[in-house]
């Protein structure tokens, strides 16, 4: 089967539950009890949301959710799946905030994996800068077309050979979970990701690079593209919460 090369990373909203008003209602439970239900259908109060964000009252941000469909290379999932149990920043380091994301991924044990593989877009920063450090990896764009073309050629050749070997393994009738072992991390996989605003803010804090963030992160380019797409959906669905997140240094509560 002919392989497909792509730079696309897909993030699509499957469902959305709740919004800014749900966060206000969750906060009001502590003082209003059952009467807090009345706040679910009211306009949200930005002042209260901002206070909750600033003071890091995090649990109120867990009472709504969103589910994404994501199509991305395996090497992106290697990093994203670490957020099954999430963490939030505090002034003293990393706190286990009880945050998490839920995943259901297509399985190479039960289906034949499609021959879709990743190649970087031409404008991806990929050349190490002078004084490059692993802890703060910085890259510039490749100015030499020959280098970029050689990289894509090397990837394409290795992908084509690996997928041919995968098909050959399957034709032997052996376990598909073993047949796939020759496939590289550049192959794509699809996954449903369900999260809440608190967990998503922790994810965005780590997987986007913003120079004005309280804690500047240096994520892998490809997972940042996915995170940017998630961030737009979050900003549209929870505009007041998102505003407070940005104004408080992009620190998850």
C-alpha atoms as a PDB file:
ATOM      1  CA  UNK A   1       0.000   0.000   0.000  1.00  0.00           C
ATOM      2  CA  UNK A   2       1.328   3.453  -0.889  1.00  0.00           C
ATOM      3  CA  UNK A   3       2.284   5.550   2.099  1.00  0.00           C
ATOM      4  CA  UNK A   4       0.902   9.054   2.674  1.00  0.00           C
ATOM      5  CA  UNK A   5       3.157  11.856   3.942  1.00  0.00           C
ATOM      6  CA  UNK A   6       1.587  14.785   5.757  1.00  0.00           C
ATOM      7  CA  UNK A   7       2.345  17.629   8.162  1.00  0.00           C
ATOM      8  CA  UNK A   8      -1.268  17.938   9.314  1.00  0.00           C
ATOM      9  CA  UNK A   9      -2.225  17.435  12.950  1.00  0.00           C
ATOM     10  CA  UNK A  10      -5.986  17.308  13.477  1.00  0.00           C
ATOM     11  CA  UNK A  11      -7.777  18.469  16.631  1.00  0.00           C
ATOM     12  CA  UNK A  12     -11.580  18.471  16.465  1.00  0.00           C
ATOM     13  CA  UNK A  13     -14.133  19.092  19.214  1.00  0.00           C
ATOM     14  CA  UNK A  14     -16.430  16.096  19.723  1.00  0.00           C
ATOM     15  CA  UNK A  15     -18.454  17.409  22.644  1.00  0.00           C
ATOM     16  CA  UNK A  16     -18.481  20.252  25.168  1.00  0.00           C
ATOM     17  CA  UNK A  17     -20.133  20.132  28.608  1.00  0.00           C
ATOM     18  CA  UNK A  18     -20.613  23.259  30.717  1.00  0.00           C
ATOM     19  CA  UNK A  19     -18.872  26.616  30.507  1.00  0.00           C
ATOM     20  CA  UNK A  20     -17.883  29.631  32.606  1.00  0.00           C
ATOM     21  CA  UNK A  21     -21.182  29.658  34.499  1.00  0.00           C
ATOM     22  CA  UNK A  22     -20.585  26.088  35.696  1.00  0.00           C
ATOM     23  CA  UNK A  23     -17.333  27.222  37.309  1.00  0.00           C
ATOM     24  CA  UNK A  24     -19.139  30.016  39.150  1.00  0.00           C
ATOM     25  CA  UNK A  25     -21.864  27.603  40.254  1.00  0.00           C
ATOM     26  CA  UNK A  26     -19.261  25.136  41.545  1.00  0.00           C
ATOM     27  CA  UNK A  27     -17.665  27.906  43.591  1.00  0.00           C
ATOM     28  CA  UNK A  28     -21.026  29.028  44.997  1.00  0.00           C
ATOM     29  CA  UNK A  29     -21.765  25.561  46.407  1.00  0.00           C
ATOM     30  CA  UNK A  30     -19.455  26.264  49.343  1.00  0.00           C
ATOM     31  CA  UNK A  31     -21.624  29.176  50.516  1.00  0.00           C
ATOM     32  CA  UNK A  32     -25.013  28.494  48.902  1.00  0.00           C
ATOM     33  CA  UNK A  33     -25.403  24.732  48.946  1.00  0.00           C
ATOM     34  CA  UNK A  34     -28.214  23.531  46.690  1.00  0.00           C
ATOM     35  CA  UNK A  35     -29.052  27.128  45.721  1.00  0.00           C
ATOM     36  CA  UNK A  36     -25.850  27.153  43.672  1.00  0.00           C
ATOM     37  CA  UNK A  37     -27.829  25.364  40.943  1.00  0.00           C
ATOM     38  CA  UNK A  38     -29.411  28.701  40.078  1.00  0.00           C
ATOM     39  CA  UNK A  39     -26.050  30.031  38.923  1.00  0.00           C
ATOM     40  CA  UNK A  40     -25.634  27.358  36.236  1.00  0.00           C
ATOM     41  CA  UNK A  41     -27.857  29.220  33.757  1.00  0.00           C
ATOM     42  CA  UNK A  42     -26.790  32.752  34.698  1.00  0.00           C
ATOM     43  CA  UNK A  43     -24.110  34.936  33.181  1.00  0.00           C
ATOM     44  CA  UNK A  44     -20.725  34.133  34.696  1.00  0.00           C
ATOM     45  CA  UNK A  45     -18.925  36.605  36.936  1.00  0.00           C
ATOM     46  CA  UNK A  46     -15.420  37.373  35.665  1.00  0.00           C
ATOM     47  CA  UNK A  47     -14.346  38.904  38.942  1.00  0.00           C
ATOM     48  CA  UNK A  48     -15.083  35.700  40.802  1.00  0.00           C
ATOM     49  CA  UNK A  49     -13.439  33.512  38.150  1.00  0.00           C
ATOM     50  CA  UNK A  50     -10.337  35.696  38.170  1.00  0.00           C
ATOM     51  CA  UNK A  51     -10.176  35.528  41.981  1.00  0.00           C
ATOM     52  CA  UNK A  52     -10.472  31.740  41.897  1.00  0.00           C
ATOM     53  CA  UNK A  53      -7.736  31.535  39.260  1.00  0.00           C
ATOM     54  CA  UNK A  54      -5.407  33.927  41.082  1.00  0.00           C
ATOM     55  CA  UNK A  55      -5.848  32.198  44.444  1.00  0.00           C
ATOM     56  CA  UNK A  56      -5.555  28.788  42.763  1.00  0.00           C
ATOM     57  CA  UNK A  57      -8.861  27.347  43.944  1.00  0.00           C
ATOM     58  CA  UNK A  58      -8.515  24.675  41.314  1.00  0.00           C
ATOM     59  CA  UNK A  59     -11.266  22.133  41.936  1.00  0.00           C
ATOM     60  CA  UNK A  60     -14.049  24.459  40.706  1.00  0.00           C
ATOM     61  CA  UNK A  61     -12.507  24.307  37.224  1.00  0.00           C
ATOM     62  CA  UNK A  62     -13.060  20.549  37.035  1.00  0.00           C
ATOM     63  CA  UNK A  63     -16.870  20.597  36.741  1.00  0.00           C
ATOM     64  CA  UNK A  64     -17.141  20.891  32.964  1.00  0.00           C
ATOM     65  CA  UNK A  65     -15.423  19.042  30.173  1.00  0.00           C
ATOM     66  CA  UNK A  66     -14.517  18.780  26.511  1.00  0.00           C
ATOM     67  CA  UNK A  67     -13.712  15.822  24.271  1.00  0.00           C
ATOM     68  CA  UNK A  68     -11.343  16.143  21.315  1.00  0.00           C
ATOM     69  CA  UNK A  69     -10.686  13.852  18.377  1.00  0.00           C
ATOM     70  CA  UNK A  70      -6.966  14.067  17.637  1.00  0.00           C
ATOM     71  CA  UNK A  71      -5.004  12.597  14.730  1.00  0.00           C
ATOM     72  CA  UNK A  72      -1.275  12.937  15.353  1.00  0.00           C
ATOM     73  CA  UNK A  73       2.029  11.041  15.073  1.00  0.00           C
ATOM     74  CA  UNK A  74       2.930   8.491  17.732  1.00  0.00           C
ATOM     75  CA  UNK A  75       5.781  10.681  18.988  1.00  0.00           C
ATOM     76  CA  UNK A  76       3.195  13.327  19.915  1.00  0.00           C
ATOM     77  CA  UNK A  77       1.194  10.740  21.850  1.00  0.00           C
ATOM     78  CA  UNK A  78       4.350   9.682  23.684  1.00  0.00           C
ATOM     79  CA  UNK A  79       4.304  13.138  25.310  1.00  0.00           C
ATOM     80  CA  UNK A  80       0.560  13.734  25.473  1.00  0.00           C
ATOM     81  CA  UNK A  81      -0.205  10.498  27.317  1.00  0.00           C
ATOM     82  CA  UNK A  82       1.920  11.751  30.201  1.00  0.00           C
ATOM     83  CA  UNK A  83      -1.041  13.999  31.017  1.00  0.00           C
ATOM     84  CA  UNK A  84      -3.152  11.033  32.037  1.00  0.00           C
ATOM     85  CA  UNK A  85      -2.206  12.270  35.487  1.00  0.00           C
ATOM     86  CA  UNK A  86      -1.539  15.978  35.182  1.00  0.00           C
ATOM     87  CA  UNK A  87       0.398  18.465  37.238  1.00  0.00           C
ATOM     88  CA  UNK A  88       0.015  22.170  37.921  1.00  0.00           C
ATOM     89  CA  UNK A  89       2.632  24.790  38.620  1.00  0.00           C
ATOM     90  CA  UNK A  90       2.822  26.587  41.948  1.00  0.00           C
ATOM     91  CA  UNK A  91       5.291  29.137  43.284  1.00  0.00           C
ATOM     92  CA  UNK A  92       7.095  26.238  44.951  1.00  0.00           C
ATOM     93  CA  UNK A  93       7.432  23.920  41.995  1.00  0.00           C
ATOM     94  CA  UNK A  94       5.075  21.261  40.705  1.00  0.00           C
ATOM     95  CA  UNK A  95       1.999  20.236  42.660  1.00  0.00           C
ATOM     96  CA  UNK A  96       0.008  17.089  42.046  1.00  0.00           C
ATOM     97  CA  UNK A  97      -3.354  18.717  41.484  1.00  0.00           C
ATOM     98  CA  UNK A  98      -5.341  15.548  40.871  1.00  0.00           C
ATOM     99  CA  UNK A  99      -5.631  16.661  37.274  1.00  0.00           C
ATOM    100  CA  UNK A 100      -5.970  14.255  34.417  1.00  0.00           C
ATOM    101  CA  UNK A 101      -7.006  13.537  30.867  1.00  0.00           C
ATOM    102  CA  UNK A 102      -8.756  10.427  29.567  1.00  0.00           C
ATOM    103  CA  UNK A 103      -7.636   8.673  26.384  1.00  0.00           C
ATOM    104  CA  UNK A 104      -9.034   6.057  24.031  1.00  0.00           C
ATOM    105  CA  UNK A 105      -6.684   5.366  21.139  1.00  0.00           C
ATOM    106  CA  UNK A 106      -6.963   3.212  18.044  1.00  0.00           C
ATOM    107  CA  UNK A 107      -5.210  -0.089  18.583  1.00  0.00           C
ATOM    108  CA  UNK A 108      -2.658  -1.728  16.328  1.00  0.00           C
ATOM    109  CA  UNK A 109      -3.610  -5.020  18.005  1.00  0.00           C
ATOM    110  CA  UNK A 110      -7.118  -4.915  16.572  1.00  0.00           C
ATOM    111  CA  UNK A 111      -6.900  -2.965  13.297  1.00  0.00           C
ATOM    112  CA  UNK A 112      -4.438  -2.480  10.486  1.00  0.00           C
ATOM    113  CA  UNK A 113      -2.704   0.840  10.964  1.00  0.00           C
ATOM    114  CA  UNK A 114      -3.067   3.239   8.061  1.00  0.00           C
ATOM    115  CA  UNK A 115       0.123   4.145   6.139  1.00  0.00           C
ATOM    116  CA  UNK A 116       0.056   7.820   7.152  1.00  0.00           C
ATOM    117  CA  UNK A 117       3.380   9.302   8.259  1.00  0.00           C
ATOM    118  CA  UNK A 118       4.648  12.668   9.434  1.00  0.00           C
ATOM    119  CA  UNK A 119       7.023  14.985   7.623  1.00  0.00           C
ATOM    120  CA  UNK A 120       7.738  18.469   9.000  1.00  0.00           C
ATOM    121  CA  UNK A 121       6.357  21.530   7.224  1.00  0.00           C
ATOM    122  CA  UNK A 122       8.952  23.672   5.453  1.00  0.00           C
ATOM    123  CA  UNK A 123       8.640  26.491   7.993  1.00  0.00           C
ATOM    124  CA  UNK A 124       9.163  24.289  11.069  1.00  0.00           C
ATOM    125  CA  UNK A 125      12.099  25.508  13.212  1.00  0.00           C
ATOM    126  CA  UNK A 126      14.513  22.560  13.070  1.00  0.00           C
ATOM    127  CA  UNK A 127      18.112  23.763  13.158  1.00  0.00           C
ATOM    128  CA  UNK A 128      19.863  24.023  16.529  1.00  0.00           C
ATOM    129  CA  UNK A 129      20.872  27.516  17.613  1.00  0.00           C
ATOM    130  CA  UNK A 130      24.361  28.314  18.873  1.00  0.00           C
ATOM    131  CA  UNK A 131      24.671  27.377  22.524  1.00  0.00           C
ATOM    132  CA  UNK A 132      21.757  24.945  22.251  1.00  0.00           C
ATOM    133  CA  UNK A 133      20.759  23.434  25.608  1.00  0.00           C
ATOM    134  CA  UNK A 134      18.580  20.336  26.157  1.00  0.00           C
ATOM    135  CA  UNK A 135      16.704  21.996  29.023  1.00  0.00           C
ATOM    136  CA  UNK A 136      15.708  24.948  26.861  1.00  0.00           C
ATOM    137  CA  UNK A 137      15.831  23.657  23.293  1.00  0.00           C
ATOM    138  CA  UNK A 138      15.664  26.447  20.735  1.00  0.00           C
ATOM    139  CA  UNK A 139      15.702  26.060  16.956  1.00  0.00           C
ATOM    140  CA  UNK A 140      15.692  28.239  13.860  1.00  0.00           C
ATOM    141  CA  UNK A 141      14.168  27.602  10.461  1.00  0.00           C
ATOM    142  CA  UNK A 142      16.219  25.721   7.896  1.00  0.00           C
ATOM    143  CA  UNK A 143      17.456  28.095   5.210  1.00  0.00           C
ATOM    144  CA  UNK A 144      18.953  25.354   3.028  1.00  0.00           C
ATOM    145  CA  UNK A 145      16.433  23.570   0.794  1.00  0.00           C
ATOM    146  CA  UNK A 146      18.871  20.705   0.257  1.00  0.00           C
ATOM    147  CA  UNK A 147      18.967  19.911   3.969  1.00  0.00           C
ATOM    148  CA  UNK A 148      15.180  19.999   4.253  1.00  0.00           C
ATOM    149  CA  UNK A 149      14.719  17.877   1.126  1.00  0.00           C
ATOM    150  CA  UNK A 150      17.276  15.338   2.380  1.00  0.00           C
ATOM    151  CA  UNK A 151      15.474  15.056   5.721  1.00  0.00           C
ATOM    152  CA  UNK A 152      12.123  14.435   4.020  1.00  0.00           C
ATOM    153  CA  UNK A 153      13.732  11.931   1.652  1.00  0.00           C
ATOM    154  CA  UNK A 154      15.298   9.998   4.547  1.00  0.00           C
ATOM    155  CA  UNK A 155      11.990   9.910   6.395  1.00  0.00           C
ATOM    156  CA  UNK A 156      10.039   8.804   3.325  1.00  0.00           C
ATOM    157  CA  UNK A 157      12.461   5.987   2.493  1.00  0.00           C
ATOM    158  CA  UNK A 158      12.447   4.651   6.047  1.00  0.00           C
ATOM    159  CA  UNK A 159       8.638   4.934   6.314  1.00  0.00           C
ATOM    160  CA  UNK A 160       8.122   3.076   3.041  1.00  0.00           C
ATOM    161  CA  UNK A 161      10.447   0.234   4.055  1.00  0.00           C
ATOM    162  CA  UNK A 162       8.981  -0.018   7.564  1.00  0.00           C
ATOM    163  CA  UNK A 163       5.396  -0.190   6.310  1.00  0.00           C
ATOM    164  CA  UNK A 164       6.330  -2.808   3.711  1.00  0.00           C
ATOM    165  CA  UNK A 165       7.846  -4.927   6.475  1.00  0.00           C
ATOM    166  CA  UNK A 166       4.703  -4.385   8.569  1.00  0.00           C
ATOM    167  CA  UNK A 167       2.505  -5.643   5.714  1.00  0.00           C
ATOM    168  CA  UNK A 168       4.833  -8.606   5.260  1.00  0.00           C
ATOM    169  CA  UNK A 169       4.600  -9.436   8.961  1.00  0.00           C
ATOM    170  CA  UNK A 170       0.796  -9.309   8.798  1.00  0.00           C
ATOM    171  CA  UNK A 171       0.802 -11.625   5.783  1.00  0.00           C
ATOM    172  CA  UNK A 172       2.603 -14.239   7.889  1.00  0.00           C
ATOM    173  CA  UNK A 173      -0.505 -14.470  10.053  1.00  0.00           C
ATOM    174  CA  UNK A 174       1.230 -13.532  13.290  1.00  0.00           C
ATOM    175  CA  UNK A 175      -0.135 -11.380  16.113  1.00  0.00           C
ATOM    176  CA  UNK A 176      -0.777  -7.814  14.797  1.00  0.00           C
ATOM    177  CA  UNK A 177       0.535  -6.529  18.130  1.00  0.00           C
ATOM    178  CA  UNK A 178       3.897  -8.036  17.206  1.00  0.00           C
ATOM    179  CA  UNK A 179       3.741  -7.279  13.482  1.00  0.00           C
ATOM    180  CA  UNK A 180       3.626  -3.532  14.175  1.00  0.00           C
ATOM    181  CA  UNK A 181       6.912  -3.505  16.089  1.00  0.00           C
ATOM    182  CA  UNK A 182       8.865  -2.409  13.021  1.00  0.00           C
ATOM    183  CA  UNK A 183       6.840   0.788  12.610  1.00  0.00           C
ATOM    184  CA  UNK A 184       8.456   4.134  13.512  1.00  0.00           C
ATOM    185  CA  UNK A 185       7.083   6.833  15.815  1.00  0.00           C
ATOM    186  CA  UNK A 186       6.314   8.975  12.761  1.00  0.00           C
ATOM    187  CA  UNK A 187       3.205   6.907  11.972  1.00  0.00           C
ATOM    188  CA  UNK A 188      -0.129   8.533  12.834  1.00  0.00           C
ATOM    189  CA  UNK A 189      -2.647   7.373  15.409  1.00  0.00           C
ATOM    190  CA  UNK A 190      -6.140   8.624  16.312  1.00  0.00           C
ATOM    191  CA  UNK A 191      -7.306   9.198  19.849  1.00  0.00           C
ATOM    192  CA  UNK A 192     -10.230  10.634  21.788  1.00  0.00           C
ATOM    193  CA  UNK A 193      -9.087  12.936  24.580  1.00  0.00           C
ATOM    194  CA  UNK A 194     -11.465  14.053  27.319  1.00  0.00           C
ATOM    195  CA  UNK A 195     -10.374  16.703  29.775  1.00  0.00           C
ATOM    196  CA  UNK A 196     -11.633  19.473  32.033  1.00  0.00           C
ATOM    197  CA  UNK A 197     -10.564  23.129  32.029  1.00  0.00           C
ATOM    198  CA  UNK A 198      -8.217  22.696  34.977  1.00  0.00           C
ATOM    199  CA  UNK A 199      -6.362  19.778  33.388  1.00  0.00           C
ATOM    200  CA  UNK A 200      -6.293  21.536  30.034  1.00  0.00           C
ATOM    201  CA  UNK A 201      -4.752  24.673  31.540  1.00  0.00           C
ATOM    202  CA  UNK A 202      -1.986  22.536  33.064  1.00  0.00           C
ATOM    203  CA  UNK A 203      -1.463  20.981  29.621  1.00  0.00           C
ATOM    204  CA  UNK A 204      -1.332  24.380  27.911  1.00  0.00           C
ATOM    205  CA  UNK A 205       1.120  25.714  30.494  1.00  0.00           C
ATOM    206  CA  UNK A 206       3.574  22.973  29.557  1.00  0.00           C
ATOM    207  CA  UNK A 207       2.875  22.455  25.862  1.00  0.00           C
ATOM    208  CA  UNK A 208       2.850  26.016  24.518  1.00  0.00           C
ATOM    209  CA  UNK A 209       5.695  28.512  24.373  1.00  0.00           C
ATOM    210  CA  UNK A 210       4.728  32.011  25.494  1.00  0.00           C
ATOM    211  CA  UNK A 211       7.503  34.429  26.396  1.00  0.00           C
ATOM    212  CA  UNK A 212       5.206  36.337  28.772  1.00  0.00           C
ATOM    213  CA  UNK A 213       4.133  33.213  30.726  1.00  0.00           C
ATOM    214  CA  UNK A 214       5.104  33.024  34.387  1.00  0.00           C
ATOM    215  CA  UNK A 215       6.819  29.720  33.640  1.00  0.00           C
ATOM    216  CA  UNK A 216       8.130  29.717  30.067  1.00  0.00           C
ATOM    217  CA  UNK A 217       8.001  26.272  28.467  1.00  0.00           C
ATOM    218  CA  UNK A 218       9.875  24.923  25.434  1.00  0.00           C
ATOM    219  CA  UNK A 219       7.599  22.230  23.973  1.00  0.00           C
ATOM    220  CA  UNK A 220       8.121  20.028  20.956  1.00  0.00           C
ATOM    221  CA  UNK A 221       6.835  21.864  17.869  1.00  0.00           C
ATOM    222  CA  UNK A 222       4.281  19.223  16.901  1.00  0.00           C
ATOM    223  CA  UNK A 223       2.582  18.896  20.281  1.00  0.00           C
ATOM    224  CA  UNK A 224       2.467  22.681  20.519  1.00  0.00           C
ATOM    225  CA  UNK A 225       0.499  22.812  17.254  1.00  0.00           C
ATOM    226  CA  UNK A 226      -2.038  20.437  18.785  1.00  0.00           C
ATOM    227  CA  UNK A 227      -2.090  22.422  22.030  1.00  0.00           C
ATOM    228  CA  UNK A 228      -2.715  25.669  20.129  1.00  0.00           C
ATOM    229  CA  UNK A 229      -5.751  24.068  18.468  1.00  0.00           C
ATOM    230  CA  UNK A 230      -7.037  22.899  21.880  1.00  0.00           C
ATOM    231  CA  UNK A 231      -6.450  26.373  23.278  1.00  0.00           C
ATOM    232  CA  UNK A 232      -8.619  27.997  20.627  1.00  0.00           C
ATOM    233  CA  UNK A 233     -11.504  25.634  21.453  1.00  0.00           C
ATOM    234  CA  UNK A 234     -11.017  26.365  25.151  1.00  0.00           C
ATOM    235  CA  UNK A 235     -10.999  30.132  24.549  1.00  0.00           C
ATOM    236  CA  UNK A 236     -14.222  29.916  22.530  1.00  0.00           C
ATOM    237  CA  UNK A 237     -16.055  27.716  25.053  1.00  0.00           C
ATOM    238  CA  UNK A 238     -14.798  29.261  28.323  1.00  0.00           C
ATOM    239  CA  UNK A 239     -13.892  32.860  27.380  1.00  0.00           C
ATOM    240  CA  UNK A 240     -13.823  34.266  30.927  1.00  0.00           C
ATOM    241  CA  UNK A 241     -11.850  31.361  32.325  1.00  0.00           C
ATOM    242  CA  UNK A 242      -9.421  31.605  29.438  1.00  0.00           C
ATOM    243  CA  UNK A 243      -9.007  35.351  29.977  1.00  0.00           C
ATOM    244  CA  UNK A 244      -8.194  34.799  33.652  1.00  0.00           C
ATOM    245  CA  UNK A 245      -5.744  32.023  32.730  1.00  0.00           C
ATOM    246  CA  UNK A 246      -3.828  34.329  30.384  1.00  0.00           C
ATOM    247  CA  UNK A 247      -3.896  37.333  32.716  1.00  0.00           C
ATOM    248  CA  UNK A 248      -2.514  35.250  35.573  1.00  0.00           C
ATOM    249  CA  UNK A 249       0.571  34.166  33.675  1.00  0.00           C
ATOM    250  CA  UNK A 250      -0.863  31.017  32.064  1.00  0.00           C
ATOM    251  CA  UNK A 251      -0.530  29.116  35.337  1.00  0.00           C
ATOM    252  CA  UNK A 252      -3.016  26.299  35.842  1.00  0.00           C
ATOM    253  CA  UNK A 253      -4.973  26.685  39.107  1.00  0.00           C
END
